[in-house]
mmCIF file of all heavy atoms, coordinates in Angstrom:
data_MODEL
# 
_entry.id   MODEL 
# 
loop_
_atom_site.group_PDB 
_atom_site.id 
_atom_site.type_symbol 
_atom_site.label_atom_id 
_atom_site.label_alt_id 
_atom_site.label_comp_id 
_atom_site.label_asym_id 
_atom_site.label_entity_id 
_atom_site.label_seq_id 
_atom_site.pdbx_PDB_ins_code 
_atom_site.Cartn_x 
_atom_site.Cartn_y 
_atom_site.Cartn_z 
_atom_site.occupancy 
_atom_site.B_iso_or_equiv 
_atom_site.pdbx_formal_charge 
_atom_site.auth_seq_id 
_atom_site.auth_comp_id 
_atom_site.auth_asym_id 
_atom_site.auth_atom_id 
_atom_site.pdbx_PDB_model_num 
ATOM 1   N N   . VAL A 1 1  ? 0.846  -1.205 0.000   1.00 0.00 ? 1  VAL A N   1 
ATOM 2   C CA  . VAL A 1 1  ? 0.000  0.000  0.000   1.00 0.00 ? 1  VAL A CA  1 
ATOM 3   C C   . VAL A 1 1  ? 0.880  1.254  0.000   1.00 0.00 ? 1  VAL A C   1 
ATOM 4   O O   . VAL A 1 1  ? 0.599  2.215  -0.725  1.00 0.00 ? 1  VAL A O   1 
ATOM 5   C CB  . VAL A 1 1  ? -0.967 -0.016 1.210   1.00 0.00 ? 1  VAL A CB  1 
ATOM 6   C CG1 . VAL A 1 1  ? -1.640 1.330  1.397   1.00 0.00 ? 1  VAL A CG1 1 
ATOM 7   C CG2 . VAL A 1 1  ? -2.016 -1.108 1.036   1.00 0.00 ? 1  VAL A CG2 1 
ATOM 8   N N   . VAL A 1 2  ? 1.949  1.248  0.785   1.00 0.00 ? 2  VAL A N   1 
ATOM 9   C CA  . VAL A 1 2  ? 2.868  2.392  0.828   1.00 0.00 ? 2  VAL A CA  1 
ATOM 10  C C   . VAL A 1 2  ? 3.536  2.582  -0.541  1.00 0.00 ? 2  VAL A C   1 
ATOM 11  O O   . VAL A 1 2  ? 3.666  3.710  -1.025  1.00 0.00 ? 2  VAL A O   1 
ATOM 12  C CB  . VAL A 1 2  ? 3.920  2.201  1.946   1.00 0.00 ? 2  VAL A CB  1 
ATOM 13  C CG1 . VAL A 1 2  ? 5.042  3.216  1.842   1.00 0.00 ? 2  VAL A CG1 1 
ATOM 14  C CG2 . VAL A 1 2  ? 3.249  2.276  3.305   1.00 0.00 ? 2  VAL A CG2 1 
ATOM 15  N N   . GLU A 1 3  ? 3.938  1.482  -1.190  1.00 0.00 ? 3  GLU A N   1 
ATOM 16  C CA  . GLU A 1 3  ? 4.546  1.571  -2.523  1.00 0.00 ? 3  GLU A CA  1 
ATOM 17  C C   . GLU A 1 3  ? 3.553  2.134  -3.536  1.00 0.00 ? 3  GLU A C   1 
ATOM 18  O O   . GLU A 1 3  ? 3.928  2.949  -4.389  1.00 0.00 ? 3  GLU A O   1 
ATOM 19  C CB  . GLU A 1 3  ? 5.040  0.201  -2.969  1.00 0.00 ? 3  GLU A CB  1 
ATOM 20  C CG  . GLU A 1 3  ? 6.256  -0.292 -2.211  1.00 0.00 ? 3  GLU A CG  1 
ATOM 21  C CD  . GLU A 1 3  ? 6.557  -1.756 -2.467  1.00 0.00 ? 3  GLU A CD  1 
ATOM 22  O OE1 . GLU A 1 3  ? 5.871  -2.401 -3.290  1.00 0.00 ? 3  GLU A OE1 1 
ATOM 23  O OE2 . GLU A 1 3  ? 7.496  -2.272 -1.824  1.00 0.00 ? 3  GLU A OE2 1 
ATOM 24  N N   . ASN A 1 4  ? 2.302  1.706  -3.461  1.00 0.00 ? 4  ASN A N   1 
ATOM 25  C CA  . ASN A 1 4  ? 1.281  2.245  -4.366  1.00 0.00 ? 4  ASN A CA  1 
ATOM 26  C C   . ASN A 1 4  ? 1.092  3.737  -4.141  1.00 0.00 ? 4  ASN A C   1 
ATOM 27  O O   . ASN A 1 4  ? 0.931  4.501  -5.096  1.00 0.00 ? 4  ASN A O   1 
ATOM 28  C CB  . ASN A 1 4  ? -0.054 1.512  -4.177  1.00 0.00 ? 4  ASN A CB  1 
ATOM 29  C CG  . ASN A 1 4  ? -0.054 0.159  -4.836  1.00 0.00 ? 4  ASN A CG  1 
ATOM 30  O OD1 . ASN A 1 4  ? 0.676  -0.092 -5.785  1.00 0.00 ? 4  ASN A OD1 1 
ATOM 31  N ND2 . ASN A 1 4  ? -0.879 -0.736 -4.326  1.00 0.00 ? 4  ASN A ND2 1 
ATOM 32  N N   . SER A 1 5  ? 1.106  4.151  -2.904  1.00 0.00 ? 5  SER A N   1 
ATOM 33  C CA  . SER A 1 5  ? 0.966  5.573  -2.588  1.00 0.00 ? 5  SER A CA  1 
ATOM 34  C C   . SER A 1 5  ? 2.126  6.376  -3.187  1.00 0.00 ? 5  SER A C   1 
ATOM 35  O O   . SER A 1 5  ? 1.930  7.456  -3.741  1.00 0.00 ? 5  SER A O   1 
ATOM 36  C CB  . SER A 1 5  ? 0.908  5.763  -1.069  1.00 0.00 ? 5  SER A CB  1 
ATOM 37  O OG  . SER A 1 5  ? 0.847  7.122  -0.742  1.00 0.00 ? 5  SER A OG  1 
ATOM 38  N N   . ALA A 1 6  ? 3.315  5.841  -3.087  1.00 0.00 ? 6  ALA A N   1 
ATOM 39  C CA  . ALA A 1 6  ? 4.487  6.514  -3.656  1.00 0.00 ? 6  ALA A CA  1 
ATOM 40  C C   . ALA A 1 6  ? 4.372  6.607  -5.173  1.00 0.00 ? 6  ALA A C   1 
ATOM 41  O O   . ALA A 1 6  ? 4.727  7.634  -5.762  1.00 0.00 ? 6  ALA A O   1 
ATOM 42  C CB  . ALA A 1 6  ? 5.758  5.777  -3.260  1.00 0.00 ? 6  ALA A CB  1 
ATOM 43  N N   . ARG A 1 7  ? 3.860  5.555  -5.809  1.00 0.00 ? 7  ARG A N   1 
ATOM 44  C CA  . ARG A 1 7  ? 3.679  5.584  -7.273  1.00 0.00 ? 7  ARG A CA  1 
ATOM 45  C C   . ARG A 1 7  ? 2.676  6.642  -7.682  1.00 0.00 ? 7  ARG A C   1 
ATOM 46  O O   . ARG A 1 7  ? 2.838  7.289  -8.718  1.00 0.00 ? 7  ARG A O   1 
ATOM 47  C CB  . ARG A 1 7  ? 3.192  4.220  -7.776  1.00 0.00 ? 7  ARG A CB  1 
ATOM 48  C CG  . ARG A 1 7  ? 4.307  3.241  -7.984  1.00 0.00 ? 7  ARG A CG  1 
ATOM 49  C CD  . ARG A 1 7  ? 3.850  1.950  -8.630  1.00 0.00 ? 7  ARG A CD  1 
ATOM 50  N NE  . ARG A 1 7  ? 3.071  2.165  -9.817  1.00 0.00 ? 7  ARG A NE  1 
ATOM 51  C CZ  . ARG A 1 7  ? 2.053  1.392  -10.196 1.00 0.00 ? 7  ARG A CZ  1 
ATOM 52  N NH1 . ARG A 1 7  ? 1.700  0.355  -9.476  1.00 0.00 ? 7  ARG A NH1 1 
ATOM 53  N NH2 . ARG A 1 7  ? 1.387  1.646  -11.297 1.00 0.00 ? 7  ARG A NH2 1 
ATOM 54  N N   . ARG A 1 8  ? 1.612  6.837  -6.872  1.00 0.00 ? 8  ARG A N   1 
ATOM 55  C CA  . ARG A 1 8  ? 0.621  7.871  -7.193  1.00 0.00 ? 8  ARG A CA  1 
ATOM 56  C C   . ARG A 1 8  ? 1.235  9.253  -7.129  1.00 0.00 ? 8  ARG A C   1 
ATOM 57  O O   . ARG A 1 8  ? 0.876  10.140 -7.893  1.00 0.00 ? 8  ARG A O   1 
ATOM 58  C CB  . ARG A 1 8  ? -0.565 7.794  -6.230  1.00 0.00 ? 8  ARG A CB  1 
ATOM 59  C CG  . ARG A 1 8  ? -1.562 6.741  -6.576  1.00 0.00 ? 8  ARG A CG  1 
ATOM 60  C CD  . ARG A 1 8  ? -2.858 6.910  -5.817  1.00 0.00 ? 8  ARG A CD  1 
ATOM 61  N NE  . ARG A 1 8  ? -2.728 6.851  -4.385  1.00 0.00 ? 8  ARG A NE  1 
ATOM 62  C CZ  . ARG A 1 8  ? -2.725 5.738  -3.649  1.00 0.00 ? 8  ARG A CZ  1 
ATOM 63  N NH1 . ARG A 1 8  ? -2.815 4.570  -4.246  1.00 0.00 ? 8  ARG A NH1 1 
ATOM 64  N NH2 . ARG A 1 8  ? -2.618 5.786  -2.343  1.00 0.00 ? 8  ARG A NH2 1 
ATOM 65  N N   . LYS A 1 9  ? 2.163  9.452  -6.212  1.00 0.00 ? 9  LYS A N   1 
ATOM 66  C CA  . LYS A 1 9  ? 2.768  10.773 -6.025  1.00 0.00 ? 9  LYS A CA  1 
ATOM 67  C C   . LYS A 1 9  ? 3.925  11.031 -6.984  1.00 0.00 ? 9  LYS A C   1 
ATOM 68  O O   . LYS A 1 9  ? 4.392  12.154 -7.085  1.00 0.00 ? 9  LYS A O   1 
ATOM 69  C CB  . LYS A 1 9  ? 3.247  10.909 -4.579  1.00 0.00 ? 9  LYS A CB  1 
ATOM 70  C CG  . LYS A 1 9  ? 2.107  10.922 -3.597  1.00 0.00 ? 9  LYS A CG  1 
ATOM 71  C CD  . LYS A 1 9  ? 2.596  10.957 -2.184  1.00 0.00 ? 9  LYS A CD  1 
ATOM 72  C CE  . LYS A 1 9  ? 1.409  10.867 -1.234  1.00 0.00 ? 9  LYS A CE  1 
ATOM 73  N NZ  . LYS A 1 9  ? 1.834  10.737 0.151   1.00 0.00 ? 9  LYS A NZ  1 
ATOM 74  N N   . MET A 1 10 ? 4.389  10.007 -7.693  1.00 0.00 ? 10 MET A N   1 
ATOM 75  C CA  . MET A 1 10 ? 5.540  10.145 -8.572  1.00 0.00 ? 10 MET A CA  1 
ATOM 76  C C   . MET A 1 10 ? 5.293  11.089 -9.740  1.00 0.00 ? 10 MET A C   1 
ATOM 77  O O   . MET A 1 10 ? 6.223  11.714 -10.227 1.00 0.00 ? 10 MET A O   1 
ATOM 78  C CB  . MET A 1 10 ? 5.966  8.783  -9.126  1.00 0.00 ? 10 MET A CB  1 
ATOM 79  C CG  . MET A 1 10 ? 7.239  8.293  -8.537  1.00 0.00 ? 10 MET A CG  1 
ATOM 80  S SD  . MET A 1 10 ? 7.981  6.936  -9.432  1.00 0.00 ? 10 MET A SD  1 
ATOM 81  C CE  . MET A 1 10 ? 6.709  5.755  -9.596  1.00 0.00 ? 10 MET A CE  1 
ATOM 82  N N   . ASN A 1 11 ? 4.065  11.222 -10.210 1.00 0.00 ? 11 ASN A N   1 
ATOM 83  C CA  . ASN A 1 11 ? 3.803  12.076 -11.361 1.00 0.00 ? 11 ASN A CA  1 
ATOM 84  C C   . ASN A 1 11 ? 4.209  13.516 -11.086 1.00 0.00 ? 11 ASN A C   1 
ATOM 85  O O   . ASN A 1 11 ? 4.757  14.189 -11.953 1.00 0.00 ? 11 ASN A O   1 
ATOM 86  C CB  . ASN A 1 11 ? 2.324  12.016 -11.743 1.00 0.00 ? 11 ASN A CB  1 
ATOM 87  C CG  . ASN A 1 11 ? 1.956  10.677 -12.337 1.00 0.00 ? 11 ASN A CG  1 
ATOM 88  O OD1 . ASN A 1 11 ? 2.795  10.005 -12.896 1.00 0.00 ? 11 ASN A OD1 1 
ATOM 89  N ND2 . ASN A 1 11 ? 0.715  10.286 -12.188 1.00 0.00 ? 11 ASN A ND2 1 
ATOM 90  N N   . ALA A 1 12 ? 3.971  14.016 -9.898  1.00 0.00 ? 12 ALA A N   1 
ATOM 91  C CA  . ALA A 1 12 ? 4.362  15.374 -9.553  1.00 0.00 ? 12 ALA A CA  1 
ATOM 92  C C   . ALA A 1 12 ? 5.877  15.518 -9.547  1.00 0.00 ? 12 ALA A C   1 
ATOM 93  O O   . ALA A 1 12 ? 6.414  16.581 -9.862  1.00 0.00 ? 12 ALA A O   1 
ATOM 94  C CB  . ALA A 1 12 ? 3.788  15.758 -8.195  1.00 0.00 ? 12 ALA A CB  1 
ATOM 95  N N   . ALA A 1 13 ? 6.574  14.470 -9.217  1.00 0.00 ? 13 ALA A N   1 
ATOM 96  C CA  . ALA A 1 13 ? 8.041  14.517 -9.174  1.00 0.00 ? 13 ALA A CA  1 
ATOM 97  C C   . ALA A 1 13 ? 8.650  14.625 -10.568 1.00 0.00 ? 13 ALA A C   1 
ATOM 98  O O   . ALA A 1 13 ? 9.811  15.001 -10.699 1.00 0.00 ? 13 ALA A O   1 
ATOM 99  C CB  . ALA A 1 13 ? 8.573  13.284 -8.463  1.00 0.00 ? 13 ALA A CB  1 
ATOM 100 N N   . LYS A 1 14 ? 7.881  14.325 -11.606 1.00 0.00 ? 14 LYS A N   1 
ATOM 101 C CA  . LYS A 1 14 ? 8.403  14.373 -12.968 1.00 0.00 ? 14 LYS A CA  1 
ATOM 102 C C   . LYS A 1 14 ? 8.443  15.796 -13.529 1.00 0.00 ? 14 LYS A C   1 
ATOM 103 O O   . LYS A 1 14 ? 9.100  16.039 -14.527 1.00 0.00 ? 14 LYS A O   1 
ATOM 104 C CB  . LYS A 1 14 ? 7.545  13.496 -13.888 1.00 0.00 ? 14 LYS A CB  1 
ATOM 105 C CG  . LYS A 1 14 ? 7.661  12.029 -13.600 1.00 0.00 ? 14 LYS A CG  1 
ATOM 106 C CD  . LYS A 1 14 ? 6.781  11.233 -14.532 1.00 0.00 ? 14 LYS A CD  1 
ATOM 107 C CE  . LYS A 1 14 ? 6.828  9.760  -14.189 1.00 0.00 ? 14 LYS A CE  1 
ATOM 108 N NZ  . LYS A 1 14 ? 5.926  8.979  -15.041 1.00 0.00 ? 14 LYS A NZ  1 
ATOM 109 N N   . ILE A 1 15 ? 7.774  16.742 -12.904 1.00 0.00 ? 15 ILE A N   1 
ATOM 110 C CA  . ILE A 1 15 ? 7.688  18.109 -13.435 1.00 0.00 ? 15 ILE A CA  1 
ATOM 111 C C   . ILE A 1 15 ? 9.065  18.751 -13.580 1.00 0.00 ? 15 ILE A C   1 
ATOM 112 O O   . ILE A 1 15 ? 9.368  19.302 -14.650 1.00 0.00 ? 15 ILE A O   1 
ATOM 113 C CB  . ILE A 1 15 ? 6.737  18.968 -12.572 1.00 0.00 ? 15 ILE A CB  1 
ATOM 114 C CG1 . ILE A 1 15 ? 5.308  18.438 -12.733 1.00 0.00 ? 15 ILE A CG1 1 
ATOM 115 C CG2 . ILE A 1 15 ? 6.814  20.445 -12.958 1.00 0.00 ? 15 ILE A CG2 1 
ATOM 116 C CD1 . ILE A 1 15 ? 4.294  19.076 -11.824 1.00 0.00 ? 15 ILE A CD1 1 
ATOM 117 N N   . PRO A 1 16 ? 9.940  18.718 -12.568 1.00 0.00 ? 16 PRO A N   1 
ATOM 118 C CA  . PRO A 1 16 ? 11.265 19.338 -12.766 1.00 0.00 ? 16 PRO A CA  1 
ATOM 119 C C   . PRO A 1 16 ? 12.050 18.701 -13.915 1.00 0.00 ? 16 PRO A C   1 
ATOM 120 O O   . PRO A 1 16 ? 12.752 19.410 -14.646 1.00 0.00 ? 16 PRO A O   1 
ATOM 121 C CB  . PRO A 1 16 ? 11.974 19.103 -11.429 1.00 0.00 ? 16 PRO A CB  1 
ATOM 122 C CG  . PRO A 1 16 ? 10.883 18.932 -10.434 1.00 0.00 ? 16 PRO A CG  1 
ATOM 123 C CD  . PRO A 1 16 ? 9.763  18.290 -11.186 1.00 0.00 ? 16 PRO A CD  1 
ATOM 124 N N   . GLU A 1 17 ? 11.914 17.395 -14.098 1.00 0.00 ? 17 GLU A N   1 
ATOM 125 C CA  . GLU A 1 17 ? 12.611 16.732 -15.202 1.00 0.00 ? 17 GLU A CA  1 
ATOM 126 C C   . GLU A 1 17 ? 12.109 17.248 -16.549 1.00 0.00 ? 17 GLU A C   1 
ATOM 127 O O   . GLU A 1 17 ? 12.901 17.485 -17.462 1.00 0.00 ? 17 GLU A O   1 
ATOM 128 C CB  . GLU A 1 17 ? 12.403 15.225 -15.125 1.00 0.00 ? 17 GLU A CB  1 
ATOM 129 C CG  . GLU A 1 17 ? 13.059 14.553 -13.948 1.00 0.00 ? 17 GLU A CG  1 
ATOM 130 C CD  . GLU A 1 17 ? 12.674 13.078 -13.847 1.00 0.00 ? 17 GLU A CD  1 
ATOM 131 O OE1 . GLU A 1 17 ? 12.242 12.491 -14.861 1.00 0.00 ? 17 GLU A OE1 1 
ATOM 132 O OE2 . GLU A 1 17 ? 12.808 12.528 -12.744 1.00 0.00 ? 17 GLU A OE2 1 
ATOM 133 N N   . VAL A 1 18 ? 10.814 17.421 -16.670 1.00 0.00 ? 18 VAL A N   1 
ATOM 134 C CA  . VAL A 1 18 ? 10.239 17.901 -17.930 1.00 0.00 ? 18 VAL A CA  1 
ATOM 135 C C   . VAL A 1 18 ? 10.656 19.349 -18.183 1.00 0.00 ? 18 VAL A C   1 
ATOM 136 O O   . VAL A 1 18 ? 10.989 19.722 -19.312 1.00 0.00 ? 18 VAL A O   1 
ATOM 137 C CB  . VAL A 1 18 ? 8.700  17.745 -17.914 1.00 0.00 ? 18 VAL A CB  1 
ATOM 138 C CG1 . VAL A 1 18 ? 8.082  18.422 -19.117 1.00 0.00 ? 18 VAL A CG1 1 
ATOM 139 C CG2 . VAL A 1 18 ? 8.323  16.277 -17.884 1.00 0.00 ? 18 VAL A CG2 1 
ATOM 140 N N   . LEU A 1 19 ? 10.667 20.156 -17.128 1.00 0.00 ? 19 LEU A N   1 
ATOM 141 C CA  . LEU A 1 19 ? 11.100 21.545 -17.291 1.00 0.00 ? 19 LEU A CA  1 
ATOM 142 C C   . LEU A 1 19 ? 12.556 21.611 -17.746 1.00 0.00 ? 19 LEU A C   1 
ATOM 143 O O   . LEU A 1 19 ? 12.914 22.421 -18.621 1.00 0.00 ? 19 LEU A O   1 
ATOM 144 C CB  . LEU A 1 19 ? 10.921 22.320 -15.983 1.00 0.00 ? 19 LEU A CB  1 
ATOM 145 C CG  . LEU A 1 19 ? 9.475  22.586 -15.559 1.00 0.00 ? 19 LEU A CG  1 
ATOM 146 C CD1 . LEU A 1 19 ? 9.439  23.245 -14.197 1.00 0.00 ? 19 LEU A CD1 1 
ATOM 147 C CD2 . LEU A 1 19 ? 8.758  23.430 -16.590 1.00 0.00 ? 19 LEU A CD2 1 
ATOM 148 N N   . LYS A 1 20 ? 13.388 20.742 -17.182 1.00 0.00 ? 20 LYS A N   1 
ATOM 149 C CA  . LYS A 1 20 ? 14.793 20.688 -17.593 1.00 0.00 ? 20 LYS A CA  1 
ATOM 150 C C   . LYS A 1 20 ? 14.894 20.250 -19.046 1.00 0.00 ? 20 LYS A C   1 
ATOM 151 O O   . LYS A 1 20 ? 15.696 20.780 -19.815 1.00 0.00 ? 20 LYS A O   1 
ATOM 152 C CB  . LYS A 1 20 ? 15.553 19.723 -16.683 1.00 0.00 ? 20 LYS A CB  1 
ATOM 153 C CG  . LYS A 1 20 ? 17.033 19.652 -16.961 1.00 0.00 ? 20 LYS A CG  1 
ATOM 154 C CD  . LYS A 1 20 ? 17.734 18.713 -16.006 1.00 0.00 ? 20 LYS A CD  1 
ATOM 155 C CE  . LYS A 1 20 ? 19.192 18.614 -16.356 1.00 0.00 ? 20 LYS A CE  1 
ATOM 156 N NZ  . LYS A 1 20 ? 19.897 17.648 -15.516 1.00 0.00 ? 20 LYS A NZ  1 
ATOM 157 N N   . GLU A 1 21 ? 14.072 19.293 -19.429 1.00 0.00 ? 21 GLU A N   1 
ATOM 158 C CA  . GLU A 1 21 ? 14.061 18.804 -20.811 1.00 0.00 ? 21 GLU A CA  1 
ATOM 159 C C   . GLU A 1 21 ? 13.666 19.922 -21.774 1.00 0.00 ? 21 GLU A C   1 
ATOM 160 O O   . GLU A 1 21 ? 14.253 20.068 -22.848 1.00 0.00 ? 21 GLU A O   1 
ATOM 161 C CB  . GLU A 1 21 ? 13.070 17.634 -20.913 1.00 0.00 ? 21 GLU A CB  1 
ATOM 162 C CG  . GLU A 1 21 ? 13.130 16.854 -22.192 1.00 0.00 ? 21 GLU A CG  1 
ATOM 163 C CD  . GLU A 1 21 ? 12.181 15.663 -22.173 1.00 0.00 ? 21 GLU A CD  1 
ATOM 164 O OE1 . GLU A 1 21 ? 11.887 15.134 -21.092 1.00 0.00 ? 21 GLU A OE1 1 
ATOM 165 O OE2 . GLU A 1 21 ? 11.742 15.277 -23.273 1.00 0.00 ? 21 GLU A OE2 1 
ATOM 166 N N   . ILE A 1 22 ? 12.689 20.752 -21.389 1.00 0.00 ? 22 ILE A N   1 
ATOM 167 C CA  . ILE A 1 22 ? 12.264 21.881 -22.238 1.00 0.00 ? 22 ILE A CA  1 
ATOM 168 C C   . ILE A 1 22 ? 13.402 22.891 -22.363 1.00 0.00 ? 22 ILE A C   1 
ATOM 169 O O   . ILE A 1 22 ? 13.708 23.384 -23.451 1.00 0.00 ? 22 ILE A O   1 
ATOM 170 C CB  . ILE A 1 22 ? 10.999 22.551 -21.644 1.00 0.00 ? 22 ILE A CB  1 
ATOM 171 C CG1 . ILE A 1 22 ? 9.797  21.618 -21.767 1.00 0.00 ? 22 ILE A CG1 1 
ATOM 172 C CG2 . ILE A 1 22 ? 10.711 23.883 -22.335 1.00 0.00 ? 22 ILE A CG2 1 
ATOM 173 C CD1 . ILE A 1 22 ? 8.586  22.086 -21.002 1.00 0.00 ? 22 ILE A CD1 1 
ATOM 174 N N   . LYS A 1 23 ? 14.023 23.187 -21.226 1.00 0.00 ? 23 LYS A N   1 
ATOM 175 C CA  . LYS A 1 23 ? 15.100 24.178 -21.199 1.00 0.00 ? 23 LYS A CA  1 
ATOM 176 C C   . LYS A 1 23 ? 16.275 23.755 -22.067 1.00 0.00 ? 23 LYS A C   1 
ATOM 177 O O   . LYS A 1 23 ? 16.895 24.580 -22.737 1.00 0.00 ? 23 LYS A O   1 
ATOM 178 C CB  . LYS A 1 23 ? 15.552 24.382 -19.757 1.00 0.00 ? 23 LYS A CB  1 
ATOM 179 C CG  . LYS A 1 23 ? 16.648 25.381 -19.577 1.00 0.00 ? 23 LYS A CG  1 
ATOM 180 C CD  . LYS A 1 23 ? 17.034 25.471 -18.113 1.00 0.00 ? 23 LYS A CD  1 
ATOM 181 C CE  . LYS A 1 23 ? 18.320 26.252 -17.969 1.00 0.00 ? 23 LYS A CE  1 
ATOM 182 N NZ  . LYS A 1 23 ? 18.823 26.199 -16.602 1.00 0.00 ? 23 LYS A NZ  1 
ATOM 183 N N   . GLU A 1 24 ? 16.569 22.455 -22.081 1.00 0.00 ? 24 GLU A N   1 
ATOM 184 C CA  . GLU A 1 24 ? 17.735 21.963 -22.801 1.00 0.00 ? 24 GLU A CA  1 
ATOM 185 C C   . GLU A 1 24 ? 17.431 21.550 -24.240 1.00 0.00 ? 24 GLU A C   1 
ATOM 186 O O   . GLU A 1 24 ? 18.325 21.073 -24.941 1.00 0.00 ? 24 GLU A O   1 
ATOM 187 C CB  . GLU A 1 24 ? 18.348 20.790 -22.038 1.00 0.00 ? 24 GLU A CB  1 
ATOM 188 C CG  . GLU A 1 24 ? 18.930 21.203 -20.698 1.00 0.00 ? 24 GLU A CG  1 
ATOM 189 C CD  . GLU A 1 24 ? 19.417 20.028 -19.879 1.00 0.00 ? 24 GLU A CD  1 
ATOM 190 O OE1 . GLU A 1 24 ? 19.233 18.858 -20.307 1.00 0.00 ? 24 GLU A OE1 1 
ATOM 191 O OE2 . GLU A 1 24 ? 19.975 20.272 -18.803 1.00 0.00 ? 24 GLU A OE2 1 
# 
């Protein structure tokens, strides 16, 4: 259940990566 919760929250963690990808 804790792992599933972490997977649900992972999408928000991808935002900085996408912003870096746009910048570069």
